[in-house]
Amino acid sequence: MHKKVIDIIMQIPEGKVATYGQIAALAGFPGRARHVGWILNQTNTPNLPWHRVINSRGTISLPHNGKYQLQKVLLQDEGVLFNDNDIIDLKQFCWQP
């Protein structure tokens, strides 16, 4: 599962996002969104665009006292927009492989 998840995340293009659940399903493990989060937390893969992975509500799952702001800035630098509630419009920015 680990390699498949990493391979899929590496394919997410700049300016797009994917959800944990979407990645799990694409990897052949539907319903295992939490495992994707665990893999992201445990990996040290160079150049992995981890910041392009968000939750199904269109929000960043990281705590505000952690890497939340870094992830938001990285996404904004790629042109991903957030509304006033820090929600990303998945219809506009969700990657469709």
PDB file of N, CA and C in Angstrom:
ATOM      1  N   MET A   1       0.828  -1.195   0.000  1.00  0.00           N
ATOM      2  CA  MET A   1       0.000   0.000   0.000  1.00  0.00           C
ATOM      3  C   MET A   1       0.871   1.257   0.000  1.00  0.00           C
ATOM      4  N   HIS A   2       1.944   1.236   0.775  1.00  0.00           N
ATOM      5  CA  HIS A   2       2.804   2.403   0.931  1.00  0.00           C
ATOM      6  C   HIS A   2       3.318   2.918  -0.417  1.00  0.00           C
ATOM      7  N   LYS A   3       3.889   2.054  -1.216  1.00  0.00           N
ATOM      8  CA  LYS A   3       4.453   2.459  -2.507  1.00  0.00           C
ATOM      9  C   LYS A   3       3.369   2.999  -3.431  1.00  0.00           C
ATOM     10  N   LYS A   4       2.222   2.346  -3.482  1.00  0.00           N
ATOM     11  CA  LYS A   4       1.139   2.809  -4.352  1.00  0.00           C
ATOM     12  C   LYS A   4       0.677   4.205  -3.953  1.00  0.00           C
ATOM     13  N   VAL A   5       0.536   4.435  -2.665  1.00  0.00           N
ATOM     14  CA  VAL A   5       0.094   5.739  -2.167  1.00  0.00           C
ATOM     15  C   VAL A   5       1.112   6.815  -2.534  1.00  0.00           C
ATOM     16  N   ILE A   6       2.374   6.548  -2.297  1.00  0.00           N
ATOM     17  CA  ILE A   6       3.426   7.516  -2.623  1.00  0.00           C
ATOM     18  C   ILE A   6       3.443   7.795  -4.120  1.00  0.00           C
ATOM     19  N   ASP A   7       3.329   6.754  -4.939  1.00  0.00           N
ATOM     20  CA  ASP A   7       3.327   6.929  -6.398  1.00  0.00           C
ATOM     21  C   ASP A   7       2.172   7.818  -6.852  1.00  0.00           C
ATOM     22  N   ILE A   8       1.023   7.654  -6.251  1.00  0.00           N
ATOM     23  CA  ILE A   8      -0.140   8.467  -6.618  1.00  0.00           C
ATOM     24  C   ILE A   8       0.061   9.913  -6.184  1.00  0.00           C
ATOM     25  N   ILE A   9       0.534  10.126  -4.983  1.00  0.00           N
ATOM     26  CA  ILE A   9       0.753  11.494  -4.502  1.00  0.00           C
ATOM     27  C   ILE A   9       1.767  12.211  -5.389  1.00  0.00           C
ATOM     28  N   MET A  10       2.770  11.505  -5.859  1.00  0.00           N
ATOM     29  CA  MET A  10       3.782  12.108  -6.730  1.00  0.00           C
ATOM     30  C   MET A  10       3.181  12.596  -8.050  1.00  0.00           C
ATOM     31  N   GLN A  11       2.031  12.063  -8.429  1.00  0.00           N
ATOM     32  CA  GLN A  11       1.392  12.435  -9.691  1.00  0.00           C
ATOM     33  C   GLN A  11       0.482  13.660  -9.589  1.00  0.00           C
ATOM     34  N   ILE A  12       0.152  14.093  -8.385  1.00  0.00           N
ATOM     35  CA  ILE A  12      -0.760  15.230  -8.235  1.00  0.00           C
ATOM     36  C   ILE A  12      -0.072  16.468  -8.801  1.00  0.00           C
ATOM     37  N   PRO A  13      -0.667  17.094  -9.806  1.00  0.00           N
ATOM     38  CA  PRO A  13       0.001  18.244 -10.428  1.00  0.00           C
ATOM     39  C   PRO A  13      -0.060  19.510  -9.573  1.00  0.00           C
ATOM     40  N   GLU A  14       0.860  20.386  -9.841  1.00  0.00           N
ATOM     41  CA  GLU A  14       0.892  21.681  -9.180  1.00  0.00           C
ATOM     42  C   GLU A  14      -0.444  22.393  -9.413  1.00  0.00           C
ATOM     43  N   GLY A  15      -0.957  23.011  -8.359  1.00  0.00           N
ATOM     44  CA  GLY A  15      -2.211  23.750  -8.459  1.00  0.00           C
ATOM     45  C   GLY A  15      -3.449  22.893  -8.283  1.00  0.00           C
ATOM     46  N   LYS A  16      -3.254  21.618  -7.983  1.00  0.00           N
ATOM     47  CA  LYS A  16      -4.374  20.706  -7.755  1.00  0.00           C
ATOM     48  C   LYS A  16      -4.200  20.035  -6.393  1.00  0.00           C
ATOM     49  N   VAL A  17      -5.290  19.508  -5.859  1.00  0.00           N
ATOM     50  CA  VAL A  17      -5.263  18.768  -4.604  1.00  0.00           C
ATOM     51  C   VAL A  17      -5.966  17.437  -4.795  1.00  0.00           C
ATOM     52  N   ALA A  18      -5.732  16.529  -3.880  1.00  0.00           N
ATOM     53  CA  ALA A  18      -6.430  15.250  -3.836  1.00  0.00           C
ATOM     54  C   ALA A  18      -6.769  14.971  -2.380  1.00  0.00           C
ATOM     55  N   THR A  19      -7.831  14.231  -2.163  1.00  0.00           N
ATOM     56  CA  THR A  19      -8.222  13.913  -0.793  1.00  0.00           C
ATOM     57  C   THR A  19      -7.581  12.588  -0.361  1.00  0.00           C
ATOM     58  N   TYR A  20      -7.480  12.428   0.938  1.00  0.00           N
ATOM     59  CA  TYR A  20      -6.949  11.184   1.491  1.00  0.00           C
ATOM     60  C   TYR A  20      -7.738   9.993   0.957  1.00  0.00           C
ATOM     61  N   GLY A  21      -9.064  10.108   0.963  1.00  0.00           N
ATOM     62  CA  GLY A  21      -9.913   9.024   0.489  1.00  0.00           C
ATOM     63  C   GLY A  21      -9.754   8.752  -0.993  1.00  0.00           C
ATOM     64  N   GLN A  22      -9.606   9.803  -1.775  1.00  0.00           N
ATOM     65  CA  GLN A  22      -9.393   9.660  -3.208  1.00  0.00           C
ATOM     66  C   GLN A  22      -8.100   8.892  -3.480  1.00  0.00           C
ATOM     67  N   ILE A  23      -7.057   9.238  -2.764  1.00  0.00           N
ATOM     68  CA  ILE A  23      -5.771   8.561  -2.938  1.00  0.00           C
ATOM     69  C   ILE A  23      -5.880   7.094  -2.529  1.00  0.00           C
ATOM     70  N   ALA A  24      -6.547   6.830  -1.426  1.00  0.00           N
ATOM     71  CA  ALA A  24      -6.731   5.444  -0.981  1.00  0.00           C
ATOM     72  C   ALA A  24      -7.473   4.629  -2.045  1.00  0.00           C
ATOM     73  N   ALA A  25      -8.532   5.194  -2.602  1.00  0.00           N
ATOM     74  CA  ALA A  25      -9.309   4.492  -3.626  1.00  0.00           C
ATOM     75  C   ALA A  25      -8.466   4.251  -4.882  1.00  0.00           C
ATOM     76  N   LEU A  26      -7.720   5.268  -5.312  1.00  0.00           N
ATOM     77  CA  LEU A  26      -6.872   5.115  -6.496  1.00  0.00           C
ATOM     78  C   LEU A  26      -5.789   4.057  -6.281  1.00  0.00           C
ATOM     79  N   ALA A  27      -5.355   3.902  -5.049  1.00  0.00           N
ATOM     80  CA  ALA A  27      -4.332   2.908  -4.720  1.00  0.00           C
ATOM     81  C   ALA A  27      -4.915   1.504  -4.580  1.00  0.00           C
ATOM     82  N   GLY A  28      -6.247   1.410  -4.666  1.00  0.00           N
ATOM     83  CA  GLY A  28      -6.888   0.106  -4.555  1.00  0.00           C
ATOM     84  C   GLY A  28      -7.295  -0.253  -3.140  1.00  0.00           C
ATOM     85  N   PHE A  29      -7.375   0.751  -2.269  1.00  0.00           N
ATOM     86  CA  PHE A  29      -7.733   0.528  -0.875  1.00  0.00           C
ATOM     87  C   PHE A  29      -8.848   1.479  -0.445  1.00  0.00           C
ATOM     88  N   PRO A  30     -10.017   1.373  -1.071  1.00  0.00           N
ATOM     89  CA  PRO A  30     -11.105   2.291  -0.712  1.00  0.00           C
ATOM     90  C   PRO A  30     -11.452   2.191   0.769  1.00  0.00           C
ATOM     91  N   GLY A  31     -11.788   3.324   1.356  1.00  0.00           N
ATOM     92  CA  GLY A  31     -12.143   3.351   2.767  1.00  0.00           C
ATOM     93  C   GLY A  31     -10.955   3.427   3.705  1.00  0.00           C
ATOM     94  N   ARG A  32      -9.770   3.561   3.181  1.00  0.00           N
ATOM     95  CA  ARG A  32      -8.569   3.575   4.013  1.00  0.00           C
ATOM     96  C   ARG A  32      -7.889   4.955   4.019  1.00  0.00           C
ATOM     97  N   ALA A  33      -8.678   5.998   4.058  1.00  0.00           N
ATOM     98  CA  ALA A  33      -8.149   7.366   4.047  1.00  0.00           C
ATOM     99  C   ALA A  33      -7.176   7.596   5.201  1.00  0.00           C
ATOM    100  N   ARG A  34      -7.481   7.067   6.368  1.00  0.00           N
ATOM    101  CA  ARG A  34      -6.596   7.258   7.523  1.00  0.00           C
ATOM    102  C   ARG A  34      -5.218   6.640   7.303  1.00  0.00           C
ATOM    103  N   HIS A  35      -5.187   5.555   6.555  1.00  0.00           N
ATOM    104  CA  HIS A  35      -3.902   4.930   6.253  1.00  0.00           C
ATOM    105  C   HIS A  35      -3.050   5.860   5.387  1.00  0.00           C
ATOM    106  N   VAL A  36      -3.696   6.572   4.480  1.00  0.00           N
ATOM    107  CA  VAL A  36      -2.956   7.528   3.651  1.00  0.00           C
ATOM    108  C   VAL A  36      -2.323   8.594   4.543  1.00  0.00           C
ATOM    109  N   GLY A  37      -3.094   9.099   5.499  1.00  0.00           N
ATOM    110  CA  GLY A  37      -2.560  10.077   6.444  1.00  0.00           C
ATOM    111  C   GLY A  37      -1.398   9.518   7.243  1.00  0.00           C
ATOM    112  N   TRP A  38      -1.512   8.281   7.662  1.00  0.00           N
ATOM    113  CA  TRP A  38      -0.438   7.642   8.416  1.00  0.00           C
ATOM    114  C   TRP A  38       0.817   7.513   7.564  1.00  0.00           C
ATOM    115  N   ILE A  39       0.642   7.091   6.308  1.00  0.00           N
ATOM    116  CA  ILE A  39       1.785   6.957   5.399  1.00  0.00           C
ATOM    117  C   ILE A  39       2.462   8.309   5.207  1.00  0.00           C
ATOM    118  N   LEU A  40       1.677   9.353   5.000  1.00  0.00           N
ATOM    119  CA  LEU A  40       2.251  10.691   4.836  1.00  0.00           C
ATOM    120  C   LEU A  40       3.036  11.110   6.077  1.00  0.00           C
ATOM    121  N   ASN A  41       2.521  10.765   7.221  1.00  0.00           N
ATOM    122  CA  ASN A  41       3.176  11.125   8.474  1.00  0.00           C
ATOM    123  C   ASN A  41       4.492  10.367   8.680  1.00  0.00           C
ATOM    124  N   GLN A  42       4.572   9.175   8.131  1.00  0.00           N
ATOM    125  CA  GLN A  42       5.735   8.314   8.357  1.00  0.00           C
ATOM    126  C   GLN A  42       6.808   8.396   7.272  1.00  0.00           C
ATOM    127  N   THR A  43       6.461   8.960   6.118  1.00  0.00           N
ATOM    128  CA  THR A  43       7.390   8.912   4.989  1.00  0.00           C
ATOM    129  C   THR A  43       8.415  10.047   5.023  1.00  0.00           C
ATOM    130  N   ASN A  44       9.525   9.794   4.388  1.00  0.00           N
ATOM    131  CA  ASN A  44      10.544  10.825   4.203  1.00  0.00           C
ATOM    132  C   ASN A  44      10.955  10.874   2.732  1.00  0.00           C
ATOM    133  N   THR A  45       9.991  10.602   1.858  1.00  0.00           N
ATOM    134  CA  THR A  45      10.239  10.590   0.417  1.00  0.00           C
ATOM    135  C   THR A  45      10.605  11.989  -0.063  1.00  0.00           C
ATOM    136  N   PRO A  46      11.756  12.143  -0.689  1.00  0.00           N
ATOM    137  CA  PRO A  46      12.158  13.472  -1.177  1.00  0.00           C
ATOM    138  C   PRO A  46      11.199  13.990  -2.246  1.00  0.00           C
ATOM    139  N   ASN A  47      10.968  15.285  -2.219  1.00  0.00           N
ATOM    140  CA  ASN A  47      10.141  15.972  -3.211  1.00  0.00           C
ATOM    141  C   ASN A  47       8.690  15.504  -3.254  1.00  0.00           C
ATOM    142  N   LEU A  48       8.220  14.860  -2.210  1.00  0.00           N
ATOM    143  CA  LEU A  48       6.828  14.422  -2.169  1.00  0.00           C
ATOM    144  C   LEU A  48       5.928  15.639  -1.968  1.00  0.00           C
ATOM    145  N   PRO A  49       4.973  15.867  -2.859  1.00  0.00           N
ATOM    146  CA  PRO A  49       4.083  17.026  -2.708  1.00  0.00           C
ATOM    147  C   PRO A  49       2.974  16.762  -1.676  1.00  0.00           C
ATOM    148  N   TRP A  50       3.360  16.510  -0.457  1.00  0.00           N
ATOM    149  CA  TRP A  50       2.452  16.175   0.640  1.00  0.00           C
ATOM    150  C   TRP A  50       1.402  17.261   0.852  1.00  0.00           C
ATOM    151  N   HIS A  51       1.774  18.490   0.547  1.00  0.00           N
ATOM    152  CA  HIS A  51       0.878  19.618   0.793  1.00  0.00           C
ATOM    153  C   HIS A  51      -0.349  19.597  -0.103  1.00  0.00           C
ATOM    154  N   ARG A  52      -0.356  18.786  -1.145  1.00  0.00           N
ATOM    155  CA  ARG A  52      -1.491  18.709  -2.064  1.00  0.00           C
ATOM    156  C   ARG A  52      -2.553  17.715  -1.613  1.00  0.00           C
ATOM    157  N   VAL A  53      -2.369  17.129  -0.446  1.00  0.00           N
ATOM    158  CA  VAL A  53      -3.328  16.158   0.087  1.00  0.00           C
ATOM    159  C   VAL A  53      -4.126  16.811   1.205  1.00  0.00           C
ATOM    160  N   ILE A  54      -5.452  16.820   1.026  1.00  0.00           N
ATOM    161  CA  ILE A  54      -6.350  17.450   1.990  1.00  0.00           C
ATOM    162  C   ILE A  54      -7.500  16.497   2.313  1.00  0.00           C
ATOM    163  N   ASN A  55      -8.383  16.926   3.194  1.00  0.00           N
ATOM    164  CA  ASN A  55      -9.502  16.046   3.547  1.00  0.00           C
ATOM    165  C   ASN A  55     -10.691  16.256   2.612  1.00  0.00           C
ATOM    166  N   SER A  56     -11.691  15.420   2.757  1.00  0.00           N
ATOM    167  CA  SER A  56     -12.841  15.425   1.850  1.00  0.00           C
ATOM    168  C   SER A  56     -13.743  16.644   2.019  1.00  0.00           C
ATOM    169  N   ARG A  57     -13.537  17.417   3.062  1.00  0.00           N
ATOM    170  CA  ARG A  57     -14.304  18.659   3.253  1.00  0.00           C
ATOM    171  C   ARG A  57     -13.641  19.827   2.526  1.00  0.00           C
ATOM    172  N   GLY A  58     -12.478  19.568   1.940  1.00  0.00           N
ATOM    173  CA  GLY A  58     -11.753  20.619   1.241  1.00  0.00           C
ATOM    174  C   GLY A  58     -10.901  21.458   2.167  1.00  0.00           C
ATOM    175  N   THR A  59     -10.574  20.898   3.318  1.00  0.00           N
ATOM    176  CA  THR A  59      -9.775  21.642   4.282  1.00  0.00           C
ATOM    177  C   THR A  59      -8.488  20.894   4.619  1.00  0.00           C
ATOM    178  N   ILE A  60      -7.577  21.615   5.207  1.00  0.00           N
ATOM    179  CA  ILE A  60      -6.313  21.045   5.671  1.00  0.00           C
ATOM    180  C   ILE A  60      -6.572  20.338   6.995  1.00  0.00           C
ATOM    181  N   SER A  61      -6.052  19.130   7.116  1.00  0.00           N
ATOM    182  CA  SER A  61      -6.292  18.340   8.327  1.00  0.00           C
ATOM    183  C   SER A  61      -5.276  18.574   9.433  1.00  0.00           C
ATOM    184  N   LEU A  62      -4.190  19.207   9.113  1.00  0.00           N
ATOM    185  CA  LEU A  62      -3.147  19.421  10.118  1.00  0.00           C
ATOM    186  C   LEU A  62      -3.609  20.422  11.175  1.00  0.00           C
ATOM    187  N   PRO A  63      -3.110  20.282  12.398  1.00  0.00           N
ATOM    188  CA  PRO A  63      -3.484  21.232  13.448  1.00  0.00           C
ATOM    189  C   PRO A  63      -2.912  22.620  13.164  1.00  0.00           C
ATOM    190  N   HIS A  64      -3.628  23.627  13.606  1.00  0.00           N
ATOM    191  CA  HIS A  64      -3.213  25.011  13.367  1.00  0.00           C
ATOM    192  C   HIS A  64      -1.890  25.342  14.060  1.00  0.00           C
ATOM    193  N   ASN A  65      -1.509  24.576  15.054  1.00  0.00           N
ATOM    194  CA  ASN A  65      -0.236  24.844  15.741  1.00  0.00           C
ATOM    195  C   ASN A  65       0.918  24.042  15.138  1.00  0.00           C
ATOM    196  N   GLY A  66       0.646  23.371  14.030  1.00  0.00           N
ATOM    197  CA  GLY A  66       1.680  22.571  13.373  1.00  0.00           C
ATOM    198  C   GLY A  66       2.012  23.121  12.000  1.00  0.00           C
ATOM    199  N   LYS A  67       1.955  22.243  10.993  1.00  0.00           N
ATOM    200  CA  LYS A  67       2.325  22.621   9.632  1.00  0.00           C
ATOM    201  C   LYS A  67       1.148  23.180   8.836  1.00  0.00           C
ATOM    202  N   TYR A  68       0.058  23.479   9.493  1.00  0.00           N
ATOM    203  CA  TYR A  68      -1.129  23.987   8.814  1.00  0.00           C
ATOM    204  C   TYR A  68      -0.802  25.189   7.928  1.00  0.00           C
ATOM    205  N   GLN A  69      -0.173  26.185   8.510  1.00  0.00           N
ATOM    206  CA  GLN A  69       0.116  27.419   7.779  1.00  0.00           C
ATOM    207  C   GLN A  69       1.087  27.161   6.626  1.00  0.00           C
ATOM    208  N   LEU A  70       2.070  26.283   6.824  1.00  0.00           N
ATOM    209  CA  LEU A  70       3.000  25.944   5.754  1.00  0.00           C
ATOM    210  C   LEU A  70       2.247  25.310   4.586  1.00  0.00           C
ATOM    211  N   GLN A  71       1.367  24.368   4.884  1.00  0.00           N
ATOM    212  CA  GLN A  71       0.612  23.714   3.825  1.00  0.00           C
ATOM    213  C   GLN A  71      -0.251  24.728   3.079  1.00  0.00           C
ATOM    214  N   LYS A  72      -0.882  25.610   3.803  1.00  0.00           N
ATOM    215  CA  LYS A  72      -1.735  26.621   3.173  1.00  0.00           C
ATOM    216  C   LYS A  72      -0.920  27.529   2.249  1.00  0.00           C
ATOM    217  N   VAL A  73       0.217  27.986   2.717  1.00  0.00           N
ATOM    218  CA  VAL A  73       1.080  28.869   1.913  1.00  0.00           C
ATOM    219  C   VAL A  73       1.579  28.145   0.662  1.00  0.00           C
ATOM    220  N   LEU A  74       2.007  26.893   0.811  1.00  0.00           N
ATOM    221  CA  LEU A  74       2.481  26.128  -0.338  1.00  0.00           C
ATOM    222  C   LEU A  74       1.381  25.978  -1.389  1.00  0.00           C
ATOM    223  N   LEU A  75       0.170  25.713  -0.945  1.00  0.00           N
ATOM    224  CA  LEU A  75      -0.951  25.589  -1.882  1.00  0.00           C
ATOM    225  C   LEU A  75      -1.269  26.932  -2.537  1.00  0.00           C
ATOM    226  N   GLN A  76      -1.298  27.989  -1.747  1.00  0.00           N
ATOM    227  CA  GLN A  76      -1.572  29.311  -2.306  1.00  0.00           C
ATOM    228  C   GLN A  76      -0.506  29.706  -3.319  1.00  0.00           C
ATOM    229  N   ASP A  77       0.732  29.376  -3.054  1.00  0.00           N
ATOM    230  CA  ASP A  77       1.819  29.672  -3.988  1.00  0.00           C
ATOM    231  C   ASP A  77       1.620  28.968  -5.329  1.00  0.00           C
ATOM    232  N   GLU A  78       0.868  27.867  -5.322  1.00  0.00           N
ATOM    233  CA  GLU A  78       0.577  27.129  -6.551  1.00  0.00           C
ATOM    234  C   GLU A  78      -0.726  27.604  -7.199  1.00  0.00           C
ATOM    235  N   GLY A  79      -1.384  28.590  -6.595  1.00  0.00           N
ATOM    236  CA  GLY A  79      -2.615  29.128  -7.171  1.00  0.00           C
ATOM    237  C   GLY A  79      -3.892  28.540  -6.624  1.00  0.00           C
ATOM    238  N   VAL A  80      -3.797  27.680  -5.616  1.00  0.00           N
ATOM    239  CA  VAL A  80      -4.989  27.107  -4.995  1.00  0.00           C
ATOM    240  C   VAL A  80      -5.608  28.168  -4.090  1.00  0.00           C
ATOM    241  N   LEU A  81      -6.900  28.382  -4.245  1.00  0.00           N
ATOM    242  CA  LEU A  81      -7.601  29.420  -3.486  1.00  0.00           C
ATOM    243  C   LEU A  81      -8.373  28.834  -2.313  1.00  0.00           C
ATOM    244  N   PHE A  82      -8.418  29.588  -1.234  1.00  0.00           N
ATOM    245  CA  PHE A  82      -9.180  29.236  -0.036  1.00  0.00           C
ATOM    246  C   PHE A  82     -10.277  30.277   0.137  1.00  0.00           C
ATOM    247  N   ASN A  83     -11.444  29.852   0.604  1.00  0.00           N
ATOM    248  CA  ASN A  83     -12.474  30.842   0.914  1.00  0.00           C
ATOM    249  C   ASN A  83     -12.231  31.395   2.321  1.00  0.00           C
ATOM    250  N   ASP A  84     -13.133  32.236   2.800  1.00  0.00           N
ATOM    251  CA  ASP A  84     -12.956  32.864   4.106  1.00  0.00           C
ATOM    252  C   ASP A  84     -12.925  31.875   5.266  1.00  0.00           C
ATOM    253  N   ASN A  85     -13.416  30.662   5.038  1.00  0.00           N
ATOM    254  CA  ASN A  85     -13.406  29.621   6.066  1.00  0.00           C
ATOM    255  C   ASN A  85     -12.264  28.622   5.857  1.00  0.00           C
ATOM    256  N   ASP A  86     -11.292  28.991   5.029  1.00  0.00           N
ATOM    257  CA  ASP A  86     -10.145  28.131   4.707  1.00  0.00           C
ATOM    258  C   ASP A  86     -10.547  26.830   4.023  1.00  0.00           C
ATOM    259  N   ILE A  87     -11.568  26.899   3.182  1.00  0.00           N
ATOM    260  CA  ILE A  87     -12.032  25.729   2.429  1.00  0.00           C
ATOM    261  C   ILE A  87     -11.641  25.893   0.970  1.00  0.00           C
ATOM    262  N   ILE A  88     -11.140  24.821   0.379  1.00  0.00           N
ATOM    263  CA  ILE A  88     -10.769  24.775  -1.033  1.00  0.00           C
ATOM    264  C   ILE A  88     -11.958  24.228  -1.810  1.00  0.00           C
ATOM    265  N   ASP A  89     -12.283  24.847  -2.913  1.00  0.00           N
ATOM    266  CA  ASP A  89     -13.369  24.382  -3.783  1.00  0.00           C
ATOM    267  C   ASP A  89     -12.878  23.142  -4.531  1.00  0.00           C
ATOM    268  N   LEU A  90     -13.358  21.977  -4.110  1.00  0.00           N
ATOM    269  CA  LEU A  90     -12.905  20.736  -4.714  1.00  0.00           C
ATOM    270  C   LEU A  90     -13.372  20.606  -6.165  1.00  0.00           C
ATOM    271  N   LYS A  91     -14.472  21.229  -6.508  1.00  0.00           N
ATOM    272  CA  LYS A  91     -14.928  21.173  -7.904  1.00  0.00           C
ATOM    273  C   LYS A  91     -13.915  21.856  -8.824  1.00  0.00           C
ATOM    274  N   GLN A  92     -13.259  22.857  -8.326  1.00  0.00           N
ATOM    275  CA  GLN A  92     -12.292  23.616  -9.119  1.00  0.00           C
ATOM    276  C   GLN A  92     -10.867  23.050  -9.018  1.00  0.00           C
ATOM    277  N   PHE A  93     -10.466  22.639  -7.822  1.00  0.00           N
ATOM    278  CA  PHE A  93      -9.061  22.308  -7.594  1.00  0.00           C
ATOM    279  C   PHE A  93      -8.748  20.830  -7.384  1.00  0.00           C
ATOM    280  N   CYS A  94      -9.768  19.983  -7.318  1.00  0.00           N
ATOM    281  CA  CYS A  94      -9.497  18.559  -7.096  1.00  0.00           C
ATOM    282  C   CYS A  94      -8.939  17.917  -8.371  1.00  0.00           C
ATOM    283  N   TRP A  95      -7.858  17.213  -8.207  1.00  0.00           N
ATOM    284  CA  TRP A  95      -7.203  16.501  -9.312  1.00  0.00           C
ATOM    285  C   TRP A  95      -8.090  15.364  -9.783  1.00  0.00           C
ATOM    286  N   GLN A  96      -8.251  15.264 -11.092  1.00  0.00           N
ATOM    287  CA  GLN A  96      -9.023  14.186 -11.698  1.00  0.00           C
ATOM    288  C   GLN A  96      -8.104  13.407 -12.647  1.00  0.00           C
ATOM    289  N   PRO A  97      -7.460  12.357 -12.134  1.00  0.00           N
ATOM    290  CA  PRO A  97      -6.505  11.610 -12.987  1.00  0.00           C
ATOM    291  C   PRO A  97      -7.201  10.894 -14.135  1.00  0.00           C
TER     292      PRO A  97
END
